[in-house]
Amino acid sequence: MKKILLLPILLSISASLFAKADFQSKTVRYQLDGTTFESTIVYSKDGDSSKPGILMVPNWMGPTEGSLQKAAKVASDKYIVMMVDMYGVQTRPSNGQEAGAAAGAVRADRDLMRARSAKALSVFKSEAKELGLNANKVAAIGFCFGGGTVLELGRSGAELDAIVSFHGDLLSPTLAEDAASTQAKVLVLHGADDPYVPQSDVETFVKTMQGTNVDWQLVQYSDTVHSFTNPEANSDGARYNAISSQRAFAAMEALLAEAWR
């Protein structure tokens, strides 16, 4: 696959970020059941020559410049990150209505969700080897729709060291049946006032996980609603919260450090 500098793709990333690391990207195209997907691996030549990997599923807008920017920030010079395309190249939402329809179609078919995320994980491990990926150290993180997706991937029994859900969906049609199949350490980062993932969902998730042997954590942030890590979110139910976002990413780093110690 062609490897290119993230500039000019990521013109909006601050100059200071690029000054710290020589960021590059690798675009990977692959097919599953007749649908073509295009995901992007973000990495730096700085840091160790062998790095852990993070599969990152973005929010319901899918692959966007903002999500690619977030992937680069997560990667820093420590990780290799792949921003996942869960919709296919023919589906690129341009507004909330289109995003809701695209995400809703995937949520409604959990077998499809698992198959697409598992394929992405397989492609990531294969395509990132030449970039220095340590395939024995791989985690998955996701935001909103992506958070629910990586939790679902975990319930499929995927071989991952850690899963981190940022303001993600917590429920699944088969939650009670297969929550125990999760092999990864699980960290759920949740806004305590999230109207889209209410406390009733949190309670169901907690009760279900208590009946398993999964290593899991759930952190709730006060005065915090949905999409709290997204600087562009600015509505009553979905709003950026700088303090909660900072704490959430710190919690992610702590879990990854523990998993890969």
Protein backbone atom coordinates (compact mmCIF):
# COMPACT_ATOMS: atom_id res chain seq x y z
CA MET A 1 0.00 0.00 0.00
CA LYS A 2 1.14 3.56 -0.66
CA LYS A 3 2.68 5.35 2.28
CA ILE A 4 2.40 9.13 2.41
CA LEU A 5 3.10 11.96 4.80
CA LEU A 6 0.02 13.01 6.76
CA LEU A 7 0.57 16.49 5.43
CA PRO A 8 -1.42 17.67 3.57
CA ILE A 9 -4.10 15.29 4.86
CA LEU A 10 -3.87 16.68 8.37
CA LEU A 11 -3.31 20.38 7.80
CA SER A 12 -5.41 21.14 10.85
CA ILE A 13 -3.09 19.32 13.25
CA SER A 14 -1.00 21.81 15.16
CA ALA A 15 2.58 22.44 14.11
CA SER A 16 3.72 21.57 17.63
CA LEU A 17 2.33 18.06 17.26
CA PHE A 18 4.32 17.48 14.08
CA ALA A 19 7.39 19.00 15.66
CA LYS A 20 7.34 16.24 18.26
CA ALA A 21 7.09 13.33 15.83
CA ASP A 22 7.51 12.53 12.17
CA PHE A 23 3.93 11.45 11.51
CA GLN A 24 3.11 9.37 8.50
CA SER A 25 0.09 7.44 7.31
CA LYS A 26 -0.65 4.32 5.37
CA THR A 27 -4.03 3.99 3.67
CA VAL A 28 -5.30 0.42 3.46
CA ARG A 29 -8.15 -0.76 1.27
CA TYR A 30 -9.74 -4.16 1.78
CA GLN A 31 -12.97 -5.95 1.06
CA LEU A 32 -15.51 -7.91 3.05
CA ASP A 33 -18.68 -9.42 1.61
CA GLY A 34 -18.49 -7.24 -1.49
CA THR A 35 -17.96 -3.96 0.34
CA THR A 36 -14.71 -2.02 0.00
CA PHE A 37 -13.33 -0.32 3.09
CA GLU A 38 -10.60 2.27 3.49
CA SER A 39 -8.92 2.63 6.86
CA THR A 40 -5.85 4.67 7.74
CA ILE A 41 -2.84 3.67 9.82
CA VAL A 42 -1.13 6.56 11.61
CA TYR A 43 2.38 6.22 13.01
CA SER A 44 5.62 8.00 13.73
CA LYS A 45 9.20 7.04 13.01
CA ASP A 46 10.15 8.54 16.36
CA GLY A 47 10.16 6.43 19.51
CA ASP A 48 10.78 2.70 19.70
CA SER A 49 11.17 0.65 16.55
CA SER A 50 8.61 -1.87 17.85
CA LYS A 51 5.36 -0.36 19.13
CA PRO A 52 2.01 -1.55 20.49
CA GLY A 53 -1.00 -1.06 18.25
CA ILE A 54 -4.38 0.57 18.83
CA LEU A 55 -7.39 -0.12 16.64
CA MET A 56 -9.48 3.06 16.80
CA VAL A 57 -13.13 3.11 15.76
CA PRO A 58 -14.36 6.71 15.33
CA ASN A 59 -17.79 8.11 16.14
CA TRP A 60 -20.83 7.82 13.91
CA MET A 61 -19.45 10.26 11.34
CA GLY A 62 -16.94 7.60 10.33
CA PRO A 63 -13.51 8.42 8.88
CA THR A 64 -13.11 12.20 9.04
CA GLU A 65 -10.23 14.66 9.30
CA GLY A 66 -11.15 15.20 12.95
CA SER A 67 -10.95 11.47 13.68
CA LEU A 68 -7.65 11.21 11.84
CA GLN A 69 -6.35 14.08 13.94
CA LYS A 70 -7.47 12.25 17.08
CA ALA A 71 -5.74 9.08 15.88
CA ALA A 72 -2.48 11.01 15.43
CA LYS A 73 -2.73 12.49 18.90
CA VAL A 74 -3.40 9.06 20.41
CA ALA A 75 -0.49 7.57 18.48
CA SER A 76 2.06 10.21 19.54
CA ASP A 77 5.43 8.48 19.27
CA LYS A 78 4.28 5.54 21.43
CA TYR A 79 1.71 3.60 19.39
CA ILE A 80 0.67 2.66 15.88
CA VAL A 81 -3.01 3.50 15.40
CA MET A 82 -5.47 2.49 12.71
CA MET A 83 -8.57 4.63 12.22
CA VAL A 84 -11.22 2.15 11.11
CA ASP A 85 -13.77 2.52 8.34
CA MET A 86 -16.87 0.67 9.55
CA TYR A 87 -19.16 1.78 6.71
CA GLY A 88 -17.32 1.22 3.43
CA VAL A 89 -16.04 3.79 0.95
CA GLN A 90 -19.50 4.41 -0.50
CA THR A 91 -20.81 5.70 2.84
CA ARG A 92 -19.37 8.95 4.13
CA PRO A 93 -21.94 10.80 6.27
CA SER A 94 -22.04 14.56 5.83
CA ASN A 95 -24.46 15.34 8.66
CA GLY A 96 -26.04 13.86 11.76
CA GLN A 97 -29.03 12.42 9.93
CA GLU A 98 -26.84 10.50 7.50
CA ALA A 99 -24.54 9.42 10.31
CA GLY A 100 -27.47 8.16 12.35
CA ALA A 101 -28.70 6.08 9.45
CA ALA A 102 -25.26 4.61 8.77
CA ALA A 103 -24.52 3.82 12.41
CA GLY A 104 -28.05 2.51 12.95
CA ALA A 105 -27.70 0.02 10.12
CA VAL A 106 -24.54 -1.41 11.66
CA ARG A 107 -25.93 -1.42 15.19
CA ALA A 108 -29.00 -3.31 13.99
CA ASP A 109 -26.83 -6.17 12.69
CA ARG A 110 -24.40 -7.23 15.41
CA ASP A 111 -22.97 -10.04 13.30
CA LEU A 112 -22.11 -7.42 10.67
CA MET A 113 -20.59 -5.14 13.29
CA ARG A 114 -18.42 -7.94 14.64
CA ALA A 115 -17.38 -9.13 11.20
CA ARG A 116 -16.33 -5.66 10.05
CA SER A 117 -14.41 -4.82 13.21
CA ALA A 118 -12.74 -8.26 13.24
CA LYS A 119 -11.70 -7.80 9.62
CA ALA A 120 -10.25 -4.40 10.45
CA LEU A 121 -8.29 -5.92 13.33
CA SER A 122 -6.89 -8.64 11.06
CA VAL A 123 -5.94 -6.11 8.37
CA PHE A 124 -4.30 -3.86 10.96
CA LYS A 125 -2.11 -6.65 12.34
CA SER A 126 -1.08 -7.65 8.84
CA GLU A 127 -0.53 -4.23 7.26
CA ALA A 128 1.22 -2.61 10.21
CA LYS A 129 3.90 -5.27 10.63
CA GLU A 130 6.28 -3.50 8.26
CA LEU A 131 5.76 -0.28 10.24
CA GLY A 132 7.02 -1.83 13.47
CA LEU A 133 3.79 -3.09 15.04
CA ASN A 134 4.23 -5.50 17.93
CA ALA A 135 1.32 -7.78 17.07
CA ASN A 136 1.43 -9.24 20.58
CA LYS A 137 0.40 -5.89 22.04
CA VAL A 138 -2.85 -4.65 20.50
CA ALA A 139 -5.77 -2.77 22.04
CA ALA A 140 -8.99 -1.30 20.68
CA ILE A 141 -10.56 2.05 21.53
CA GLY A 142 -13.70 3.73 20.25
CA PHE A 143 -15.76 6.88 20.57
CA CYS A 144 -19.58 6.97 20.82
CA PHE A 145 -20.68 4.51 18.08
CA GLY A 146 -17.06 3.36 18.01
CA GLY A 147 -17.07 2.72 21.75
CA GLY A 148 -20.02 0.39 21.38
CA THR A 149 -18.31 -1.27 18.44
CA VAL A 150 -15.10 -2.14 20.30
CA LEU A 151 -17.10 -3.49 23.24
CA GLU A 152 -18.99 -5.69 20.77
CA LEU A 153 -15.70 -6.81 19.24
CA GLY A 154 -14.56 -7.80 22.70
CA ARG A 155 -17.70 -9.86 23.29
CA SER A 156 -16.86 -11.85 20.17
CA GLY A 157 -13.78 -13.15 21.97
CA ALA A 158 -11.29 -11.11 19.94
CA GLU A 159 -7.66 -11.39 21.01
CA LEU A 160 -7.03 -7.94 22.43
CA ASP A 161 -5.12 -6.81 25.49
CA ALA A 162 -7.40 -3.89 26.33
CA ILE A 163 -10.61 -2.23 25.19
CA VAL A 164 -11.48 1.38 25.99
CA SER A 165 -14.90 2.86 25.28
CA PHE A 166 -15.23 6.65 25.35
CA HIS A 167 -18.89 7.70 25.78
CA GLY A 168 -19.93 4.55 23.91
CA ASP A 169 -23.06 2.42 23.71
CA LEU A 170 -23.10 -0.13 26.51
CA LEU A 171 -25.90 -2.50 25.61
CA SER A 172 -26.16 -5.29 23.05
CA PRO A 173 -28.93 -7.71 22.10
CA THR A 174 -26.72 -10.56 23.34
CA LEU A 175 -25.01 -8.77 26.23
CA ALA A 176 -26.09 -11.30 28.86
CA GLU A 177 -25.14 -14.22 26.64
CA ASP A 178 -21.64 -13.27 25.61
CA ALA A 179 -20.25 -10.55 27.88
CA ALA A 180 -18.17 -13.24 29.57
CA SER A 181 -16.45 -14.03 26.27
CA THR A 182 -14.43 -10.82 26.49
CA GLN A 183 -10.73 -11.61 26.87
CA ALA A 184 -9.44 -8.05 27.09
CA LYS A 185 -9.23 -5.72 30.05
CA VAL A 186 -12.19 -3.36 29.65
CA LEU A 187 -12.39 0.33 30.55
CA VAL A 188 -15.63 2.25 30.04
CA LEU A 189 -15.37 6.06 30.29
CA HIS A 190 -18.81 7.60 30.65
CA GLY A 191 -20.46 10.95 31.22
CA ALA A 192 -22.67 10.66 34.30
CA ASP A 193 -25.27 12.96 32.71
CA ASP A 194 -25.26 11.35 29.26
CA PRO A 195 -28.88 11.41 28.01
CA TYR A 196 -28.15 9.03 25.12
CA VAL A 197 -26.60 6.30 27.26
CA PRO A 198 -28.68 6.72 30.43
CA GLN A 199 -28.01 5.35 33.88
CA SER A 200 -30.43 2.48 33.24
CA ASP A 201 -28.03 1.27 30.54
CA VAL A 202 -25.10 1.72 32.89
CA GLU A 203 -26.84 -0.32 35.59
CA THR A 204 -27.63 -3.13 33.15
CA PHE A 205 -24.03 -3.17 31.93
CA VAL A 206 -22.61 -3.23 35.47
CA LYS A 207 -24.96 -5.99 36.63
CA THR A 208 -24.08 -8.09 33.60
CA MET A 209 -20.33 -7.61 33.96
CA GLN A 210 -20.50 -8.48 37.66
CA GLY A 211 -21.61 -11.95 36.58
CA THR A 212 -18.41 -12.50 34.59
CA ASN A 213 -14.72 -12.96 35.29
CA VAL A 214 -13.80 -10.12 32.92
CA ASP A 215 -11.34 -7.52 34.22
CA TRP A 216 -13.46 -4.39 33.79
CA GLN A 217 -13.73 -0.82 35.05
CA LEU A 218 -16.35 1.88 34.59
CA VAL A 219 -15.58 5.52 35.33
CA GLN A 220 -18.30 8.19 35.37
CA TYR A 221 -17.51 11.87 35.09
CA SER A 222 -19.67 14.48 36.80
CA ASP A 223 -21.32 17.33 34.89
CA THR A 224 -20.50 15.45 31.68
CA VAL A 225 -22.77 14.42 28.83
CA HIS A 226 -22.23 12.55 25.54
CA SER A 227 -19.27 13.14 23.18
CA PHE A 228 -17.20 14.76 25.91
CA THR A 229 -13.90 14.13 24.08
CA ASN A 230 -15.09 15.80 20.87
CA PRO A 231 -14.12 19.51 20.72
CA GLU A 232 -16.77 20.04 18.03
CA ALA A 233 -19.65 18.79 20.21
CA ASN A 234 -21.70 21.68 21.56
CA SER A 235 -25.31 20.71 22.24
CA ASP A 236 -27.27 20.09 25.42
CA GLY A 237 -26.88 16.31 25.19
CA ALA A 238 -23.47 16.10 23.52
CA ARG A 239 -20.80 18.58 24.58
CA TYR A 240 -17.02 18.72 24.88
CA ASN A 241 -15.69 18.71 28.43
CA ALA A 242 -11.97 19.46 28.52
CA ILE A 243 -11.41 18.26 32.08
CA SER A 244 -13.31 15.00 31.61
CA SER A 245 -11.59 14.42 28.28
CA GLN A 246 -8.16 14.90 29.83
CA ARG A 247 -9.00 12.54 32.67
CA ALA A 248 -10.40 9.94 30.28
CA PHE A 249 -7.29 9.83 28.10
CA ALA A 250 -5.13 9.63 31.22
CA ALA A 251 -7.20 6.64 32.36
CA MET A 252 -6.69 5.02 28.97
CA GLU A 253 -2.94 5.52 29.21
CA ALA A 254 -2.89 4.02 32.70
CA LEU A 255 -4.72 0.90 31.53
CA LEU A 256 -2.46 0.46 28.50
CA ALA A 257 0.63 0.87 30.65
CA GLU A 258 -0.69 -1.83 32.96
CA ALA A 259 -1.62 -4.17 30.11
CA TRP A 260 1.74 -3.76 28.35
CA ARG A 261 3.98 -3.53 31.38
